[in-house]
Amino acid sequence: MSPRGRRDRGVTAVEFAGWVPILLIVALAALQLGIVGYAALQAGTAARAAARTASQEEIADEAAADGRAAINGSLTVDIAIDPCGDEATATARVTIPSVIPFIDDFDEASRTVTMPCD
């Protein structure tokens, strides 16, 4: 083996170690984007379930509980109900969890659904 070949030994490992943090940050950012989308979908599901129940006057008091029951239990949701007049409106706000280190301040995903009352 030539003297030059011995000096290049391990260069690839050092280059790989330099790229690993960047690749991890990109992977976590992609995962966080998926979590944001999932939280928005769950907010829509909770709002739809709560509005559906709130539109039925005989069980309207169970609307918030039905909205919470409609989504994954690991998410935090706040549901506001505007009771029946001609329409029932439910707004669900789901707190977006963070997977990126040192960033805990993600906003909420919010969805509002209106349904006609029975």
Protein backbone atom coordinates (compact mmCIF):
# COMPACT_ATOMS: atom_id res chain seq x y z
CA MET A 1 0.00 0.00 0.00
CA SER A 2 1.30 3.47 -0.83
CA PRO A 3 1.94 6.07 1.90
CA ARG A 4 -0.92 8.17 0.54
CA GLY A 5 -3.43 5.33 0.98
CA ARG A 6 -2.66 5.10 4.71
CA ARG A 7 -3.30 8.82 5.27
CA ASP A 8 -6.79 8.66 3.69
CA ARG A 9 -7.89 5.91 5.99
CA GLY A 10 -10.94 6.92 8.09
CA VAL A 11 -11.83 10.01 6.05
CA THR A 12 -15.20 8.58 5.05
CA ALA A 13 -16.10 7.89 8.68
CA VAL A 14 -15.29 11.47 9.63
CA GLU A 15 -17.34 12.85 6.72
CA PHE A 16 -20.27 10.62 7.70
CA ALA A 17 -20.06 11.79 11.31
CA GLY A 18 -20.26 15.38 10.08
CA TRP A 19 -23.43 14.74 8.08
CA VAL A 20 -25.28 12.73 10.75
CA PRO A 21 -26.53 15.77 12.75
CA ILE A 22 -27.80 17.46 9.58
CA LEU A 23 -29.58 14.29 8.48
CA LEU A 24 -31.14 13.90 11.93
CA ILE A 25 -32.46 17.46 11.90
CA VAL A 26 -33.97 16.96 8.43
CA ALA A 27 -35.58 13.68 9.54
CA LEU A 28 -37.03 15.28 12.69
CA ALA A 29 -38.36 18.22 10.65
CA ALA A 30 -40.10 15.80 8.28
CA LEU A 31 -41.55 13.89 11.23
CA GLN A 32 -42.74 17.16 12.82
CA LEU A 33 -44.46 18.14 9.57
CA GLY A 34 -46.32 14.82 9.62
CA ILE A 35 -47.36 15.40 13.24
CA VAL A 36 -48.71 18.86 12.36
CA GLY A 37 -50.82 17.33 9.58
CA TYR A 38 -52.03 14.56 11.88
CA ALA A 39 -53.03 17.08 14.56
CA ALA A 40 -54.99 19.08 11.97
CA LEU A 41 -56.83 15.94 10.86
CA GLN A 42 -57.63 15.01 14.44
CA ALA A 43 -58.92 18.55 15.12
CA GLY A 44 -61.30 18.16 12.18
CA THR A 45 -62.47 14.79 13.44
CA ALA A 46 -63.11 16.13 16.95
CA ALA A 47 -64.97 19.20 15.67
CA ARG A 48 -67.12 17.10 13.33
CA ALA A 49 -68.06 14.62 16.08
CA ALA A 50 -68.83 17.41 18.56
CA ALA A 51 -70.91 19.39 16.04
CA ARG A 52 -72.84 16.28 15.05
CA THR A 53 -73.77 15.61 18.68
CA ALA A 54 -74.46 19.30 19.46
CA SER A 55 -76.91 19.47 16.56
CA GLN A 56 -79.14 16.90 18.26
CA GLU A 57 -80.87 18.80 21.04
CA GLU A 58 -81.65 15.77 23.22
CA ILE A 59 -77.93 14.83 23.56
CA ALA A 60 -76.28 18.23 22.96
CA ASP A 61 -74.76 18.28 26.45
CA GLU A 62 -72.53 15.32 25.48
CA ALA A 63 -70.97 17.12 22.50
CA ALA A 64 -67.60 18.01 24.05
CA ALA A 65 -67.15 14.51 25.46
CA ASP A 66 -67.97 12.98 22.07
CA GLY A 67 -65.45 15.26 20.38
CA ARG A 68 -62.71 14.22 22.83
CA ALA A 69 -63.62 10.55 22.42
CA ALA A 70 -63.32 10.78 18.63
CA ILE A 71 -59.56 11.44 18.60
CA ASN A 72 -56.38 9.74 19.73
CA GLY A 73 -56.05 9.88 23.52
CA SER A 74 -52.45 11.10 23.45
CA LEU A 75 -53.43 14.49 22.00
CA THR A 76 -54.68 17.42 24.07
CA VAL A 77 -57.90 18.93 22.70
CA ASP A 78 -60.04 21.89 23.72
CA ILE A 79 -63.58 21.96 22.33
CA ALA A 80 -65.86 25.00 22.28
CA ILE A 81 -69.54 24.47 21.50
CA ASP A 82 -71.97 27.11 20.22
CA PRO A 83 -75.35 25.52 21.04
CA CYS A 84 -78.28 25.04 18.72
CA GLY A 85 -80.23 27.88 17.28
CA ASP A 86 -80.60 27.04 13.62
CA GLU A 87 -77.09 25.59 13.57
CA ALA A 88 -74.64 24.08 16.05
CA THR A 89 -70.99 25.05 15.79
CA ALA A 90 -68.04 23.23 17.35
CA THR A 91 -64.44 24.42 17.35
CA ALA A 92 -61.68 21.98 18.27
CA ARG A 93 -58.14 23.10 19.09
CA VAL A 94 -55.52 20.35 19.26
CA THR A 95 -52.14 21.13 20.82
CA ILE A 96 -49.34 20.12 18.43
CA PRO A 97 -46.70 18.01 20.21
CA SER A 98 -43.03 18.67 19.40
CA VAL A 99 -40.38 16.11 18.46
CA ILE A 100 -37.70 18.68 17.69
CA PRO A 101 -35.38 19.27 20.66
CA PHE A 102 -35.39 22.73 22.23
CA ILE A 103 -38.54 23.80 20.33
CA ASP A 104 -41.65 23.37 22.45
CA ASP A 105 -43.69 26.31 21.23
CA PHE A 106 -45.80 24.93 18.40
CA ASP A 107 -49.21 26.47 18.04
CA GLU A 108 -52.52 24.64 17.93
CA ALA A 109 -54.36 23.08 15.02
CA SER A 110 -57.89 24.46 14.97
CA ARG A 111 -60.95 23.39 13.00
CA THR A 112 -64.54 24.65 13.13
CA VAL A 113 -67.56 22.70 11.93
CA THR A 114 -71.16 23.89 11.66
CA MET A 115 -74.14 21.54 11.30
CA PRO A 116 -77.87 22.22 11.07
CA CYS A 117 -79.90 21.41 14.17
CA ASP A 118 -82.60 18.77 14.19
